[in-house]
Amino acid sequence: MRHLYILITFFFSSVISLSAQQFSLPADGKWYLVAKVGGMHSEFEYVYKHATAHTPSLVSGRIQFINAQNFSIQEHHSMGYGNWLQPQFALLNFGGESQIWVKAAIGADVGVFKVSNFLTGSLELGSISDDNLNDNGGIVTIYNTIRDNSHTYVGNLNVIDGNVGIGTDLPSEKLSVNGKIRAKEIKVEATNWPDYVFEDGYKVETLKGLESYIKTNKHLPEMPTAKEVETNGIAVSEMLKLQQKKIEELTLHLIELGKKVEAQDAYIKQLKNKK
């Protein structure tokens, strides 16, 4: 029974040593090959740490990748102190082989990149470095630098610090979509709806003043320019309010024009009756 115990102990110690391997990751601006796989699914878990001003900066996570695909599914958790200088990942796909690369931020201390629970393929552990992954002939997908103190999920649906991204790995809003949205109905909440245009005392710009403004500025008052929209986009709720305001102001102009037309028609009838 003692021999069996020793054998089991040796077996499990061997598995642990094989499933957790590491390499030094220098901050020299180069990409370092972590792992590659051909013709099958693969994944690995990692921990990366390097010294900072007070305590080590730590990043941990899991990366899943598959042959013949130019995207990977990733989960990252980061924490640190001072200048954290988080790492960056890339996927290089050749159709018959997929590779995961990592790059440390320039200025960071030499860090330790530890890989554990590696599934299938070849674990490279930084055996190859490259200045530029775009000259290897494969499809390169470079992901954004891991953000400080965050939980990051990267795939078809990405969640970063509570922001959800579809088609983008760095959503800047609660929902960022890089593409078209199709829905049966969208409800937009808005405040200060411009019914005040119809309140007594509201002054509408004269048509002559409006004409002068348009000739000078090439857009309606209060409305953004074409360049501003192309650069910043538009907030739907704000644009709806502005458009509604212009519709109501134009309605007031139409009412006034209608009154003038009616008055002119009445005057013309009076002239005809005098003949």
Protein backbone atom coordinates (compact mmCIF):
# COMPACT_ATOMS: atom_id res chain seq x y z
CA MET A 1 0.00 0.00 0.00
CA ARG A 2 2.93 2.38 0.70
CA HIS A 3 4.26 1.85 -2.82
CA LEU A 4 0.84 2.71 -4.24
CA TYR A 5 0.72 5.90 -2.20
CA ILE A 6 4.16 6.94 -3.40
CA LEU A 7 3.17 6.23 -6.99
CA ILE A 8 -0.03 8.29 -6.72
CA THR A 9 1.86 11.14 -5.04
CA PHE A 10 4.48 11.12 -7.79
CA PHE A 11 1.79 11.07 -10.48
CA PHE A 12 -0.09 14.08 -9.12
CA SER A 13 3.09 16.07 -8.48
CA SER A 14 4.08 15.44 -12.10
CA VAL A 15 0.72 16.67 -13.37
CA ILE A 16 0.96 19.85 -11.31
CA SER A 17 4.49 20.60 -12.53
CA LEU A 18 3.45 20.05 -16.13
CA SER A 19 0.22 22.06 -15.90
CA ALA A 20 1.84 25.18 -14.42
CA GLN A 21 4.77 26.53 -16.40
CA GLN A 22 6.11 30.05 -16.74
CA PHE A 23 8.50 32.30 -18.58
CA SER A 24 9.97 35.77 -18.11
CA LEU A 25 8.16 38.43 -20.15
CA PRO A 26 10.39 41.45 -20.90
CA ALA A 27 8.94 44.87 -21.64
CA ASP A 28 10.84 45.36 -24.90
CA GLY A 29 7.90 46.07 -27.20
CA LYS A 30 8.02 42.61 -28.77
CA TRP A 31 5.31 39.96 -29.03
CA TYR A 32 6.03 36.58 -27.39
CA LEU A 33 4.41 33.33 -28.49
CA VAL A 34 2.46 31.67 -25.67
CA ALA A 35 0.69 28.73 -27.30
CA LYS A 36 -0.53 27.35 -30.60
CA VAL A 37 -3.06 24.76 -31.76
CA GLY A 38 -3.96 23.14 -35.06
CA GLY A 39 -7.25 21.50 -35.99
CA MET A 40 -8.88 21.50 -32.56
CA HIS A 41 -10.09 23.61 -29.64
CA SER A 42 -7.65 24.71 -26.98
CA GLU A 43 -7.54 26.91 -23.90
CA PHE A 44 -5.25 27.90 -21.07
CA GLU A 45 -5.37 29.85 -17.84
CA TYR A 46 -2.65 32.35 -16.99
CA VAL A 47 -1.34 34.68 -14.32
CA TYR A 48 0.97 37.57 -15.19
CA LYS A 49 2.67 39.74 -12.60
CA HIS A 50 5.40 42.35 -12.51
CA ALA A 51 6.65 44.71 -9.82
CA THR A 52 5.14 48.18 -9.40
CA ALA A 53 5.79 51.01 -6.96
CA HIS A 54 4.22 49.23 -3.97
CA THR A 55 2.86 45.79 -4.82
CA PRO A 56 2.92 43.59 -7.92
CA SER A 57 0.53 44.29 -10.75
CA LEU A 58 -1.51 41.15 -11.34
CA VAL A 59 -3.53 39.99 -14.32
CA SER A 60 -5.16 36.59 -14.55
CA GLY A 61 -7.57 35.02 -16.97
CA ARG A 62 -8.49 32.34 -19.46
CA ILE A 63 -8.19 32.30 -23.25
CA GLN A 64 -10.04 29.88 -25.54
CA PHE A 65 -9.09 29.61 -29.20
CA ILE A 66 -9.71 27.29 -32.14
CA ASN A 67 -8.04 26.50 -35.42
CA ALA A 68 -9.41 28.26 -38.54
CA GLN A 69 -10.98 31.08 -36.50
CA ASN A 70 -9.63 34.63 -36.29
CA PHE A 71 -11.23 35.39 -32.92
CA SER A 72 -10.83 34.01 -29.42
CA ILE A 73 -12.95 34.02 -26.27
CA GLN A 74 -11.15 35.65 -23.36
CA GLU A 75 -11.70 36.47 -19.72
CA HIS A 76 -9.29 38.76 -17.85
CA HIS A 77 -9.13 40.15 -14.31
CA SER A 78 -6.62 42.87 -13.46
CA MET A 79 -5.46 44.68 -10.34
CA GLY A 80 -2.41 46.70 -9.46
CA TYR A 81 -0.88 49.73 -7.83
CA GLY A 82 0.76 52.83 -9.29
CA ASN A 83 1.81 52.41 -12.91
CA TRP A 84 0.16 49.07 -13.63
CA LEU A 85 1.27 48.78 -17.27
CA GLN A 86 -1.01 45.92 -18.22
CA PRO A 87 -0.22 43.43 -21.04
CA GLN A 88 -1.77 42.99 -24.48
CA PHE A 89 -2.81 39.84 -26.36
CA ALA A 90 -2.99 38.95 -30.04
CA LEU A 91 -4.30 36.04 -32.11
CA LEU A 92 -2.46 34.95 -35.25
CA ASN A 93 -4.39 32.54 -37.48
CA PHE A 94 -3.00 30.65 -40.47
CA GLY A 95 -6.13 28.60 -41.22
CA GLY A 96 -4.43 25.38 -40.21
CA GLU A 97 -3.01 26.79 -37.00
CA SER A 98 -3.93 29.43 -34.41
CA GLN A 99 -1.42 31.15 -32.12
CA ILE A 100 -1.77 33.27 -28.98
CA TRP A 101 0.84 35.98 -28.41
CA VAL A 102 1.39 38.37 -25.51
CA LYS A 103 3.23 41.69 -25.21
CA ALA A 104 4.21 43.53 -22.04
CA ALA A 105 3.80 47.29 -21.79
CA ILE A 106 6.97 49.24 -22.49
CA GLY A 107 8.36 50.59 -19.23
CA ALA A 108 7.19 47.68 -17.07
CA ASP A 109 9.63 45.59 -15.07
CA VAL A 110 10.39 42.12 -16.39
CA GLY A 111 7.37 40.05 -15.42
CA VAL A 112 6.49 36.42 -14.89
CA PHE A 113 3.88 34.90 -17.21
CA LYS A 114 2.61 31.61 -15.79
CA VAL A 115 0.40 29.24 -17.81
CA SER A 116 -1.72 26.54 -16.21
CA ASN A 117 -4.40 24.04 -17.26
CA PHE A 118 -3.27 24.05 -20.87
CA LEU A 119 -5.52 21.99 -23.16
CA THR A 120 -4.07 20.42 -26.35
CA GLY A 121 -1.70 21.97 -28.84
CA SER A 122 1.79 23.27 -28.16
CA LEU A 123 2.74 25.40 -25.16
CA GLU A 124 5.50 27.72 -26.41
CA LEU A 125 6.20 29.79 -23.26
CA GLY A 126 7.77 32.75 -25.05
CA SER A 127 10.15 30.64 -27.14
CA ILE A 128 9.66 32.96 -30.14
CA SER A 129 9.47 36.77 -30.23
CA ASP A 130 8.35 39.05 -33.06
CA ASP A 131 8.40 42.81 -33.58
CA ASN A 132 5.49 42.81 -36.02
CA LEU A 133 2.86 40.07 -36.30
CA ASN A 134 1.42 41.52 -39.51
CA ASP A 135 4.24 40.27 -41.70
CA ASN A 136 3.72 36.55 -41.02
CA GLY A 137 1.10 35.92 -43.69
CA GLY A 138 -1.75 35.02 -41.32
CA ILE A 139 -4.82 36.88 -40.07
CA VAL A 140 -3.86 39.03 -37.09
CA THR A 141 -6.33 40.10 -34.41
CA ILE A 142 -4.74 42.44 -31.86
CA TYR A 143 -6.80 43.09 -28.75
CA ASN A 144 -6.72 46.24 -26.66
CA THR A 145 -4.44 46.47 -23.65
CA ILE A 146 -6.01 44.95 -20.53
CA ARG A 147 -7.60 47.75 -18.53
CA ASP A 148 -6.62 48.56 -14.95
CA ASN A 149 -8.67 47.12 -12.10
CA SER A 150 -11.27 45.54 -14.34
CA HIS A 151 -13.10 42.39 -15.31
CA THR A 152 -12.87 42.02 -19.07
CA TYR A 153 -14.67 39.52 -21.31
CA VAL A 154 -13.75 39.41 -24.99
CA GLY A 155 -15.57 37.39 -27.66
CA ASN A 156 -18.62 37.94 -29.82
CA LEU A 157 -20.16 39.62 -26.78
CA ASN A 158 -17.72 41.65 -24.68
CA VAL A 159 -18.27 42.99 -21.17
CA ILE A 160 -15.81 45.50 -19.74
CA ASP A 161 -16.47 47.15 -16.38
CA GLY A 162 -20.22 46.81 -16.84
CA ASN A 163 -20.17 48.05 -20.46
CA VAL A 164 -21.41 45.59 -23.08
CA GLY A 165 -19.88 45.57 -26.56
CA ILE A 166 -21.02 43.73 -29.68
CA GLY A 167 -18.48 43.74 -32.51
CA THR A 168 -16.08 45.82 -30.40
CA ASP A 169 -13.66 44.71 -27.69
CA LEU A 170 -13.60 48.11 -25.95
CA PRO A 171 -17.19 49.32 -25.35
CA SER A 172 -17.28 52.91 -24.13
CA GLU A 173 -21.01 52.98 -23.31
CA LYS A 174 -23.37 50.69 -21.42
CA LEU A 175 -24.05 49.16 -24.85
CA SER A 176 -21.70 49.69 -27.81
CA VAL A 177 -22.56 48.03 -31.12
CA ASN A 178 -20.25 48.08 -34.13
CA GLY A 179 -22.89 47.27 -36.74
CA LYS A 180 -26.60 47.46 -37.46
CA ILE A 181 -29.36 47.00 -34.89
CA ARG A 182 -32.73 45.51 -35.83
CA ALA A 183 -35.64 45.66 -33.40
CA LYS A 184 -39.44 45.69 -33.44
CA GLU A 185 -39.55 48.67 -31.12
CA ILE A 186 -37.11 50.97 -29.30
CA LYS A 187 -38.30 53.14 -26.43
CA VAL A 188 -36.22 56.24 -25.67
CA GLU A 189 -36.81 58.21 -22.48
CA ALA A 190 -36.50 61.99 -22.66
CA THR A 191 -37.09 64.95 -20.37
CA ASN A 192 -38.01 68.59 -21.08
CA TRP A 193 -40.07 67.70 -24.15
CA PRO A 194 -40.55 70.97 -26.12
CA ASP A 195 -44.26 71.57 -25.53
CA TYR A 196 -43.09 74.92 -24.12
CA VAL A 197 -42.97 76.14 -27.74
CA PHE A 198 -46.78 76.45 -27.58
CA GLU A 199 -46.76 78.38 -24.31
CA ASP A 200 -47.78 82.05 -24.35
CA GLY A 201 -44.81 84.34 -24.69
CA TYR A 202 -42.57 81.92 -26.57
CA LYS A 203 -40.83 83.84 -29.35
CA VAL A 204 -40.28 82.07 -32.65
CA GLU A 205 -37.48 83.22 -34.94
CA THR A 206 -38.84 85.14 -37.92
CA LEU A 207 -38.63 83.45 -41.32
CA LYS A 208 -36.38 86.27 -42.49
CA GLY A 209 -34.03 85.73 -39.54
CA LEU A 210 -34.13 81.98 -40.15
CA GLU A 211 -33.22 82.50 -43.80
CA SER A 212 -30.26 84.66 -42.83
CA TYR A 213 -29.01 82.08 -40.31
CA ILE A 214 -29.24 79.24 -42.84
CA LYS A 215 -27.36 81.20 -45.49
CA THR A 216 -24.54 81.87 -43.03
CA ASN A 217 -24.33 78.54 -41.18
CA LYS A 218 -25.78 76.00 -43.66
CA HIS A 219 -27.85 74.27 -40.96
CA LEU A 220 -30.82 74.98 -38.71
CA PRO A 221 -30.29 76.82 -35.39
CA GLU A 222 -29.41 74.52 -32.47
CA MET A 223 -28.95 71.54 -34.80
CA PRO A 224 -25.46 69.96 -35.05
CA THR A 225 -23.44 70.33 -38.22
CA ALA A 226 -22.77 67.44 -40.58
CA LYS A 227 -19.14 67.36 -39.41
CA GLU A 228 -20.16 67.20 -35.75
CA VAL A 229 -22.51 64.28 -36.46
CA GLU A 230 -19.85 62.40 -38.43
CA THR A 231 -17.34 62.89 -35.61
CA ASN A 232 -19.47 62.46 -32.49
CA GLY A 233 -22.66 60.79 -33.67
CA ILE A 234 -25.98 61.92 -32.20
CA ALA A 235 -27.82 61.27 -28.96
CA VAL A 236 -31.19 59.95 -30.12
CA SER A 237 -33.24 61.46 -27.29
CA GLU A 238 -31.66 64.90 -27.74
CA MET A 239 -32.10 64.77 -31.51
CA LEU A 240 -35.76 63.79 -31.15
CA LYS A 241 -36.32 66.77 -28.86
CA LEU A 242 -34.60 69.16 -31.27
CA GLN A 243 -36.54 67.83 -34.24
CA GLN A 244 -39.82 68.06 -32.32
CA LYS A 245 -38.98 71.63 -31.35
CA LYS A 246 -38.36 72.58 -35.00
CA ILE A 247 -41.60 70.87 -36.06
CA GLU A 248 -43.56 72.85 -33.46
CA GLU A 249 -41.88 76.12 -34.46
CA LEU A 250 -42.63 75.43 -38.13
CA THR A 251 -46.22 74.66 -37.14
CA LEU A 252 -46.50 78.10 -35.53
CA HIS A 253 -45.12 79.66 -38.73
CA LEU A 254 -47.71 77.76 -40.77
CA ILE A 255 -50.50 78.94 -38.49
CA GLU A 256 -49.38 82.56 -38.90
CA LEU A 257 -49.07 82.15 -42.67
CA GLY A 258 -52.55 80.59 -42.73
CA LYS A 259 -53.96 83.57 -40.90
CA LYS A 260 -52.32 85.96 -43.38
CA VAL A 261 -53.67 84.00 -46.34
CA GLU A 262 -57.19 84.04 -44.88
CA ALA A 263 -56.94 87.78 -44.25
CA GLN A 264 -55.72 88.38 -47.80
CA ASP A 265 -58.53 86.22 -49.23
CA ALA A 266 -61.09 88.23 -47.24
CA TYR A 267 -59.59 91.51 -48.45
CA ILE A 268 -59.62 90.32 -52.09
CA LYS A 269 -63.30 89.39 -51.75
CA GLN A 270 -64.09 92.84 -50.41
CA LEU A 271 -62.36 94.44 -53.38
CA LYS A 272 -64.33 92.25 -55.80
CA ASN A 273 -67.62 93.11 -54.11
CA LYS A 274 -66.97 96.88 -54.52
CA LYS A 275 -66.75 96.54 -58.31
